[in-house]
């Protein structure tokens, strides 16, 4: 069997000396891992897409520096919380 990567080759070497029942268990473990990792990746993408549908994307023609300047210039100093700390 030709392998695509050195990792596939390593896995085959590791499994070569195992009994057939144990190899069968290893195949089940690999299938389970693939399902779980693919599921997590799909869930993450779905959550991101859902978030973007709710919140939308940021639209602004200004540069990042211009946006930051606007944010900082709109802040106001206050002494209301000075006593709390």
PDB file of N, CA and C in Angstrom:
ATOM      1  N   UNK A   1       0.847  -1.181   0.000  1.00  0.00           N
ATOM      2  CA  UNK A   1       0.000   0.000   0.000  1.00  0.00           C
ATOM      3  C   UNK A   1       0.890   1.241   0.000  1.00  0.00           C
ATOM      4  N   UNK A   2       0.608   2.159  -0.890  1.00  0.00           N
ATOM      5  CA  UNK A   2       1.346   3.413  -0.924  1.00  0.00           C
ATOM      6  C   UNK A   2       0.784   4.369   0.114  1.00  0.00           C
ATOM      7  N   UNK A   3       1.690   5.074   0.768  1.00  0.00           N
ATOM      8  CA  UNK A   3       1.252   6.052   1.759  1.00  0.00           C
ATOM      9  C   UNK A   3       1.473   7.453   1.207  1.00  0.00           C
ATOM     10  N   UNK A   4       0.632   8.375   1.656  1.00  0.00           N
ATOM     11  CA  UNK A   4       0.730   9.755   1.197  1.00  0.00           C
ATOM     12  C   UNK A   4       1.730  10.547   2.030  1.00  0.00           C
ATOM     13  N   UNK A   5       1.791  10.243   3.317  1.00  0.00           N
ATOM     14  CA  UNK A   5       2.643  11.021   4.214  1.00  0.00           C
ATOM     15  C   UNK A   5       3.457  10.094   5.105  1.00  0.00           C
ATOM     16  N   UNK A   6       4.460  10.669   5.754  1.00  0.00           N
ATOM     17  CA  UNK A   6       5.264   9.874   6.689  1.00  0.00           C
ATOM     18  C   UNK A   6       4.425   9.451   7.888  1.00  0.00           C
ATOM     19  N   UNK A   7       3.386  10.230   8.212  1.00  0.00           N
ATOM     20  CA  UNK A   7       2.525   9.886   9.343  1.00  0.00           C
ATOM     21  C   UNK A   7       1.713   8.623   9.060  1.00  0.00           C
ATOM     22  N   UNK A   8       1.221   8.509   7.848  1.00  0.00           N
ATOM     23  CA  UNK A   8       0.495   7.292   7.466  1.00  0.00           C
ATOM     24  C   UNK A   8       1.422   6.088   7.576  1.00  0.00           C
ATOM     25  N   UNK A   9       2.638   6.256   7.127  1.00  0.00           N
ATOM     26  CA  UNK A   9       3.619   5.178   7.180  1.00  0.00           C
ATOM     27  C   UNK A   9       3.889   4.773   8.638  1.00  0.00           C
ATOM     28  N   UNK A  10       4.017   5.754   9.515  1.00  0.00           N
ATOM     29  CA  UNK A  10       4.247   5.472  10.934  1.00  0.00           C
ATOM     30  C   UNK A  10       3.079   4.717  11.545  1.00  0.00           C
ATOM     31  N   UNK A  11       1.864   5.139  11.198  1.00  0.00           N
ATOM     32  CA  UNK A  11       0.671   4.469  11.728  1.00  0.00           C
ATOM     33  C   UNK A  11       0.636   3.012  11.280  1.00  0.00           C
ATOM     34  N   UNK A  12       0.921   2.774  10.012  1.00  0.00           N
ATOM     35  CA  UNK A  12       0.929   1.402   9.504  1.00  0.00           C
ATOM     36  C   UNK A  12       1.989   0.555  10.201  1.00  0.00           C
ATOM     37  N   UNK A  13       3.166   1.122  10.439  1.00  0.00           N
ATOM     38  CA  UNK A  13       4.220   0.391  11.151  1.00  0.00           C
ATOM     39  C   UNK A  13       3.772   0.032  12.561  1.00  0.00           C
ATOM     40  N   UNK A  14       3.124   0.992  13.237  1.00  0.00           N
ATOM     41  CA  UNK A  14       2.657   0.754  14.598  1.00  0.00           C
ATOM     42  C   UNK A  14       1.592  -0.350  14.641  1.00  0.00           C
ATOM     43  N   UNK A  15       0.746  -0.409  13.641  1.00  0.00           N
ATOM     44  CA  UNK A  15      -0.354  -1.377  13.624  1.00  0.00           C
ATOM     45  C   UNK A  15       0.070  -2.746  13.103  1.00  0.00           C
ATOM     46  N   UNK A  16       1.191  -2.811  12.420  1.00  0.00           N
ATOM     47  CA  UNK A  16       1.617  -4.048  11.746  1.00  0.00           C
ATOM     48  C   UNK A  16       1.714  -5.243  12.694  1.00  0.00           C
ATOM     49  N   UNK A  17       2.268  -5.054  13.869  1.00  0.00           N
ATOM     50  CA  UNK A  17       2.487  -6.172  14.795  1.00  0.00           C
ATOM     51  C   UNK A  17       1.302  -6.447  15.719  1.00  0.00           C
ATOM     52  N   UNK A  18       0.249  -5.679  15.588  1.00  0.00           N
ATOM     53  CA  UNK A  18      -0.915  -5.879  16.445  1.00  0.00           C
ATOM     54  C   UNK A  18      -1.783  -7.016  15.923  1.00  0.00           C
ATOM     55  N   UNK A  19      -2.491  -7.660  16.840  1.00  0.00           N
ATOM     56  CA  UNK A  19      -3.418  -8.722  16.427  1.00  0.00           C
ATOM     57  C   UNK A  19      -4.579  -8.110  15.646  1.00  0.00           C
ATOM     58  N   UNK A  20      -5.246  -8.922  14.862  1.00  0.00           N
ATOM     59  CA  UNK A  20      -6.355  -8.425  14.041  1.00  0.00           C
ATOM     60  C   UNK A  20      -7.481  -7.820  14.886  1.00  0.00           C
ATOM     61  N   UNK A  21      -7.877  -8.436  16.003  1.00  0.00           N
ATOM     62  CA  UNK A  21      -8.928  -7.809  16.822  1.00  0.00           C
ATOM     63  C   UNK A  21      -8.514  -6.426  17.336  1.00  0.00           C
ATOM     64  N   UNK A  22      -7.239  -6.293  17.695  1.00  0.00           N
ATOM     65  CA  UNK A  22      -6.790  -4.996  18.173  1.00  0.00           C
ATOM     66  C   UNK A  22      -6.729  -3.987  17.031  1.00  0.00           C
ATOM     67  N   UNK A  23      -6.336  -4.425  15.845  1.00  0.00           N
ATOM     68  CA  UNK A  23      -6.343  -3.529  14.680  1.00  0.00           C
ATOM     69  C   UNK A  23      -7.757  -3.043  14.394  1.00  0.00           C
ATOM     70  N   UNK A  24      -8.734  -3.917  14.539  1.00  0.00           N
ATOM     71  CA  UNK A  24     -10.130  -3.543  14.327  1.00  0.00           C
ATOM     72  C   UNK A  24     -10.541  -2.453  15.325  1.00  0.00           C
ATOM     73  N   UNK A  25     -10.112  -2.598  16.568  1.00  0.00           N
ATOM     74  CA  UNK A  25     -10.413  -1.585  17.577  1.00  0.00           C
ATOM     75  C   UNK A  25      -9.749  -0.254  17.221  1.00  0.00           C
ATOM     76  N   UNK A  26      -8.523  -0.325  16.715  1.00  0.00           N
ATOM     77  CA  UNK A  26      -7.805   0.893  16.331  1.00  0.00           C
ATOM     78  C   UNK A  26      -8.534   1.613  15.190  1.00  0.00           C
ATOM     79  N   UNK A  27      -9.057   0.863  14.252  1.00  0.00           N
ATOM     80  CA  UNK A  27      -9.804   1.455  13.141  1.00  0.00           C
ATOM     81  C   UNK A  27     -11.049   2.175  13.677  1.00  0.00           C
ATOM     82  N   UNK A  28     -11.728   1.557  14.634  1.00  0.00           N
ATOM     83  CA  UNK A  28     -12.901   2.190  15.237  1.00  0.00           C
ATOM     84  C   UNK A  28     -12.519   3.492  15.945  1.00  0.00           C
ATOM     85  N   UNK A  29     -11.377   3.469  16.624  1.00  0.00           N
ATOM     86  CA  UNK A  29     -10.909   4.673  17.320  1.00  0.00           C
ATOM     87  C   UNK A  29     -10.614   5.781  16.310  1.00  0.00           C
ATOM     88  N   UNK A  30      -9.964   5.432  15.213  1.00  0.00           N
ATOM     89  CA  UNK A  30      -9.654   6.432  14.173  1.00  0.00           C
ATOM     90  C   UNK A  30     -10.946   7.009  13.606  1.00  0.00           C
ATOM     91  N   UNK A  31     -11.928   6.157  13.338  1.00  0.00           N
ATOM     92  CA  UNK A  31     -13.215   6.642  12.817  1.00  0.00           C
ATOM     93  C   UNK A  31     -13.879   7.594  13.813  1.00  0.00           C
ATOM     94  N   UNK A  32     -13.838   7.232  15.095  1.00  0.00           N
ATOM     95  CA  UNK A  32     -14.436   8.073  16.128  1.00  0.00           C
ATOM     96  C   UNK A  32     -13.734   9.429  16.184  1.00  0.00           C
ATOM     97  N   UNK A  33     -12.418   9.424  16.171  1.00  0.00           N
ATOM     98  CA  UNK A  33     -11.663  10.676  16.209  1.00  0.00           C
ATOM     99  C   UNK A  33     -11.974  11.556  15.003  1.00  0.00           C
ATOM    100  N   UNK A  34     -12.031  10.942  13.827  1.00  0.00           N
ATOM    101  CA  UNK A  34     -12.345  11.720  12.622  1.00  0.00           C
ATOM    102  C   UNK A  34     -13.724  12.344  12.728  1.00  0.00           C
ATOM    103  N   UNK A  35     -14.699  11.579  13.198  1.00  0.00           N
ATOM    104  CA  UNK A  35     -16.061  12.106  13.332  1.00  0.00           C
ATOM    105  C   UNK A  35     -16.104  13.264  14.311  1.00  0.00           C
ATOM    106  N   UNK A  36     -15.432  13.108  15.444  1.00  0.00           N
ATOM    107  CA  UNK A  36     -15.464  14.150  16.465  1.00  0.00           C
ATOM    108  C   UNK A  36     -14.757  15.419  16.001  1.00  0.00           C
ATOM    109  N   UNK A  37     -13.589  15.277  15.359  1.00  0.00           N
ATOM    110  CA  UNK A  37     -12.872  16.458  14.891  1.00  0.00           C
ATOM    111  C   UNK A  37     -13.627  17.154  13.777  1.00  0.00           C
ATOM    112  N   UNK A  38     -14.180  16.399  12.850  1.00  0.00           N
ATOM    113  CA  UNK A  38     -14.949  17.001  11.764  1.00  0.00           C
ATOM    114  C   UNK A  38     -16.197  17.671  12.304  1.00  0.00           C
ATOM    115  N   UNK A  39     -16.840  17.044  13.275  1.00  0.00           N
ATOM    116  CA  UNK A  39     -18.041  17.617  13.880  1.00  0.00           C
ATOM    117  C   UNK A  39     -17.704  18.936  14.571  1.00  0.00           C
ATOM    118  N   UNK A  40     -16.609  18.958  15.330  1.00  0.00           N
ATOM    119  CA  UNK A  40     -16.213  20.185  16.021  1.00  0.00           C
ATOM    120  C   UNK A  40     -15.936  21.294  15.021  1.00  0.00           C
ATOM    121  N   UNK A  41     -15.256  20.963  13.947  1.00  0.00           N
ATOM    122  CA  UNK A  41     -14.933  21.959  12.927  1.00  0.00           C
ATOM    123  C   UNK A  41     -16.203  22.489  12.284  1.00  0.00           C
ATOM    124  N   UNK A  42     -17.142  21.613  11.980  1.00  0.00           N
ATOM    125  CA  UNK A  42     -18.402  22.032  11.375  1.00  0.00           C
ATOM    126  C   UNK A  42     -19.232  22.853  12.353  1.00  0.00           C
ATOM    127  N   UNK A  43     -19.245  22.453  13.625  1.00  0.00           N
ATOM    128  CA  UNK A  43     -19.993  23.197  14.644  1.00  0.00           C
ATOM    129  C   UNK A  43     -19.432  24.607  14.796  1.00  0.00           C
ATOM    130  N   UNK A  44     -18.118  24.724  14.762  1.00  0.00           N
ATOM    131  CA  UNK A  44     -17.477  26.035  14.897  1.00  0.00           C
ATOM    132  C   UNK A  44     -17.839  26.927  13.709  1.00  0.00           C
ATOM    133  N   UNK A  45     -17.805  26.365  12.512  1.00  0.00           N
ATOM    134  CA  UNK A  45     -18.168  27.139  11.319  1.00  0.00           C
ATOM    135  C   UNK A  45     -19.631  27.565  11.375  1.00  0.00           C
ATOM    136  N   UNK A  46     -20.503  26.649  11.812  1.00  0.00           N
ATOM    137  CA  UNK A  46     -21.929  26.965  11.907  1.00  0.00           C
ATOM    138  C   UNK A  46     -22.166  28.077  12.933  1.00  0.00           C
ATOM    139  N   UNK A  47     -21.461  28.007  14.060  1.00  0.00           N
ATOM    140  CA  UNK A  47     -21.616  29.040  15.090  1.00  0.00           C
ATOM    141  C   UNK A  47     -21.134  30.390  14.571  1.00  0.00           C
ATOM    142  N   UNK A  48     -20.034  30.398  13.848  1.00  0.00           N
ATOM    143  CA  UNK A  48     -19.514  31.646  13.283  1.00  0.00           C
ATOM    144  C   UNK A  48     -20.504  32.235  12.286  1.00  0.00           C
ATOM    145  N   UNK A  49     -21.028  31.386  11.411  1.00  0.00           N
ATOM    146  CA  UNK A  49     -21.996  31.865  10.421  1.00  0.00           C
ATOM    147  C   UNK A  49     -23.268  32.393  11.091  1.00  0.00           C
ATOM    148  N   UNK A  50     -23.724  31.710  12.133  1.00  0.00           N
ATOM    149  CA  UNK A  50     -24.919  32.157  12.854  1.00  0.00           C
ATOM    150  C   UNK A  50     -24.660  33.521  13.494  1.00  0.00           C
ATOM    151  N   UNK A  51     -23.499  33.678  14.119  1.00  0.00           N
ATOM    152  CA  UNK A  51     -23.132  34.946  14.733  1.00  0.00           C
ATOM    153  C   UNK A  51     -23.107  36.076  13.701  1.00  0.00           C
ATOM    154  N   UNK A  52     -22.492  35.806  12.552  1.00  0.00           N
ATOM    155  CA  UNK A  52     -22.401  36.836  11.516  1.00  0.00           C
ATOM    156  C   UNK A  52     -23.775  37.196  10.945  1.00  0.00           C
ATOM    157  N   UNK A  53     -24.679  36.218  10.867  1.00  0.00           N
ATOM    158  CA  UNK A  53     -26.029  36.518  10.380  1.00  0.00           C
ATOM    159  C   UNK A  53     -26.767  37.422  11.361  1.00  0.00           C
ATOM    160  N   UNK A  54     -26.551  37.203  12.651  1.00  0.00           N
ATOM    161  CA  UNK A  54     -27.218  38.010  13.668  1.00  0.00           C
ATOM    162  C   UNK A  54     -26.622  39.407  13.738  1.00  0.00           C
ATOM    163  N   UNK A  55     -25.310  39.454  13.798  1.00  0.00           N
ATOM    164  CA  UNK A  55     -24.623  40.734  14.037  1.00  0.00           C
ATOM    165  C   UNK A  55     -24.244  41.465  12.760  1.00  0.00           C
ATOM    166  N   UNK A  56     -24.147  40.773  11.681  1.00  0.00           N
ATOM    167  CA  UNK A  56     -23.693  41.394  10.447  1.00  0.00           C
ATOM    168  C   UNK A  56     -22.190  41.616  10.463  1.00  0.00           C
ATOM    169  N   UNK A  57     -21.690  42.172   9.427  1.00  0.00           N
ATOM    170  CA  UNK A  57     -20.263  42.444   9.354  1.00  0.00           C
ATOM    171  C   UNK A  57     -20.027  43.924   9.537  1.00  0.00           C
ATOM    172  N   UNK A  58     -18.846  44.282   9.937  1.00  0.00           N
ATOM    173  CA  UNK A  58     -18.484  45.667  10.173  1.00  0.00           C
ATOM    174  C   UNK A  58     -18.276  46.355   8.834  1.00  0.00           C
ATOM    175  N   UNK A  59     -18.982  47.436   8.632  1.00  0.00           N
ATOM    176  CA  UNK A  59     -18.843  48.178   7.391  1.00  0.00           C
ATOM    177  C   UNK A  59     -18.448  49.610   7.722  1.00  0.00           C
ATOM    178  N   UNK A  60     -17.298  50.008   7.246  1.00  0.00           N
ATOM    179  CA  UNK A  60     -16.807  51.351   7.499  1.00  0.00           C
ATOM    180  C   UNK A  60     -15.766  51.659   6.438  1.00  0.00           C
ATOM    181  N   UNK A  61     -15.890  52.790   5.806  1.00  0.00           N
ATOM    182  CA  UNK A  61     -14.965  53.169   4.741  1.00  0.00           C
ATOM    183  C   UNK A  61     -13.664  53.752   5.282  1.00  0.00           C
ATOM    184  N   UNK A  62     -13.675  54.097   6.582  1.00  0.00           N
ATOM    185  CA  UNK A  62     -12.494  54.717   7.172  1.00  0.00           C
ATOM    186  C   UNK A  62     -11.398  53.679   7.428  1.00  0.00           C
ATOM    187  N   UNK A  63     -10.165  54.188   7.521  1.00  0.00           N
ATOM    188  CA  UNK A  63      -9.053  53.306   7.858  1.00  0.00           C
ATOM    189  C   UNK A  63      -9.127  52.956   9.337  1.00  0.00           C
ATOM    190  N   UNK A  64      -8.365  51.963   9.744  1.00  0.00           N
ATOM    191  CA  UNK A  64      -8.340  51.557  11.148  1.00  0.00           C
ATOM    192  C   UNK A  64      -7.875  52.726  12.016  1.00  0.00           C
ATOM    193  N   UNK A  65      -6.855  53.433  11.564  1.00  0.00           N
ATOM    194  CA  UNK A  65      -6.351  54.578  12.339  1.00  0.00           C
ATOM    195  C   UNK A  65      -7.429  55.648  12.508  1.00  0.00           C
ATOM    196  N   UNK A  66      -8.187  55.896  11.458  1.00  0.00           N
ATOM    197  CA  UNK A  66      -9.265  56.889  11.545  1.00  0.00           C
ATOM    198  C   UNK A  66     -10.348  56.429  12.520  1.00  0.00           C
ATOM    199  N   UNK A  67     -10.682  55.165  12.487  1.00  0.00           N
ATOM    200  CA  UNK A  67     -11.689  54.630  13.403  1.00  0.00           C
ATOM    201  C   UNK A  67     -11.213  54.717  14.846  1.00  0.00           C
ATOM    202  N   UNK A  68      -9.943  54.379  15.084  1.00  0.00           N
ATOM    203  CA  UNK A  68      -9.390  54.458  16.437  1.00  0.00           C
ATOM    204  C   UNK A  68      -9.365  55.896  16.934  1.00  0.00           C
ATOM    205  N   UNK A  69      -8.998  56.813  16.069  1.00  0.00           N
ATOM    206  CA  UNK A  69      -8.975  58.227  16.442  1.00  0.00           C
ATOM    207  C   UNK A  69     -10.371  58.676  16.864  1.00  0.00           C
ATOM    208  N   UNK A  70     -11.386  58.252  16.118  1.00  0.00           N
ATOM    209  CA  UNK A  70     -12.772  58.596  16.429  1.00  0.00           C
ATOM    210  C   UNK A  70     -13.189  58.023  17.781  1.00  0.00           C
ATOM    211  N   UNK A  71     -12.821  56.767  18.040  1.00  0.00           N
ATOM    212  CA  UNK A  71     -13.170  56.128  19.315  1.00  0.00           C
ATOM    213  C   UNK A  71     -12.526  56.875  20.475  1.00  0.00           C
ATOM    214  N   UNK A  72     -11.233  57.125  20.385  1.00  0.00           N
ATOM    215  CA  UNK A  72     -10.536  57.806  21.474  1.00  0.00           C
ATOM    216  C   UNK A  72     -11.028  59.242  21.673  1.00  0.00           C
ATOM    217  N   UNK A  73     -11.336  59.921  20.589  1.00  0.00           N
ATOM    218  CA  UNK A  73     -11.792  61.305  20.723  1.00  0.00           C
ATOM    219  C   UNK A  73     -13.189  61.400  21.337  1.00  0.00           C
ATOM    220  N   UNK A  74     -13.977  60.326  21.235  1.00  0.00           N
ATOM    221  CA  UNK A  74     -15.333  60.365  21.789  1.00  0.00           C
ATOM    222  C   UNK A  74     -15.373  59.963  23.264  1.00  0.00           C
ATOM    223  N   UNK A  75     -14.258  59.490  23.801  1.00  0.00           N
ATOM    224  CA  UNK A  75     -14.210  59.132  25.223  1.00  0.00           C
ATOM    225  C   UNK A  75     -14.152  60.383  26.078  1.00  0.00           C
ATOM    226  N   UNK A  76     -14.750  60.276  27.222  1.00  0.00           N
ATOM    227  CA  UNK A  76     -14.778  61.416  28.140  1.00  0.00           C
ATOM    228  C   UNK A  76     -14.191  61.002  29.479  1.00  0.00           C
ATOM    229  N   UNK A  77     -13.450  61.887  30.088  1.00  0.00           N
ATOM    230  CA  UNK A  77     -12.915  61.650  31.431  1.00  0.00           C
ATOM    231  C   UNK A  77     -14.007  61.928  32.444  1.00  0.00           C
ATOM    232  N   UNK A  78     -13.998  61.144  33.504  1.00  0.00           N
ATOM    233  CA  UNK A  78     -14.986  61.343  34.551  1.00  0.00           C
ATOM    234  C   UNK A  78     -14.378  60.954  35.891  1.00  0.00           C
ATOM    235  N   UNK A  79     -14.847  61.557  36.908  1.00  0.00           N
ATOM    236  CA  UNK A  79     -14.362  61.223  38.253  1.00  0.00           C
ATOM    237  C   UNK A  79     -15.451  60.499  39.046  1.00  0.00           C
ATOM    238  N   UNK A  80     -16.520  60.087  38.388  1.00  0.00           N
ATOM    239  CA  UNK A  80     -17.646  59.413  39.066  1.00  0.00           C
ATOM    240  C   UNK A  80     -17.210  58.136  39.784  1.00  0.00           C
ATOM    241  N   UNK A  81     -16.294  57.415  39.228  1.00  0.00           N
ATOM    242  CA  UNK A  81     -15.901  56.136  39.827  1.00  0.00           C
ATOM    243  C   UNK A  81     -14.629  56.248  40.662  1.00  0.00           C
ATOM    244  N   UNK A  82     -14.083  57.406  40.804  1.00  0.00           N
ATOM    245  CA  UNK A  82     -12.832  57.589  41.552  1.00  0.00           C
ATOM    246  C   UNK A  82     -12.956  57.092  42.981  1.00  0.00           C
ATOM    247  N   UNK A  83     -14.083  57.289  43.621  1.00  0.00           N
ATOM    248  CA  UNK A  83     -14.269  56.873  45.019  1.00  0.00           C
ATOM    249  C   UNK A  83     -14.416  55.354  45.134  1.00  0.00           C
ATOM    250  N   UNK A  84     -14.842  54.706  44.086  1.00  0.00           N
ATOM    251  CA  UNK A  84     -15.048  53.261  44.126  1.00  0.00           C
ATOM    252  C   UNK A  84     -13.730  52.492  44.182  1.00  0.00           C
ATOM    253  N   UNK A  85     -12.657  53.118  43.725  1.00  0.00           N
ATOM    254  CA  UNK A  85     -11.373  52.428  43.691  1.00  0.00           C
ATOM    255  C   UNK A  85     -10.469  53.080  44.679  1.00  0.00           C
TER     256      UNK A  85
END
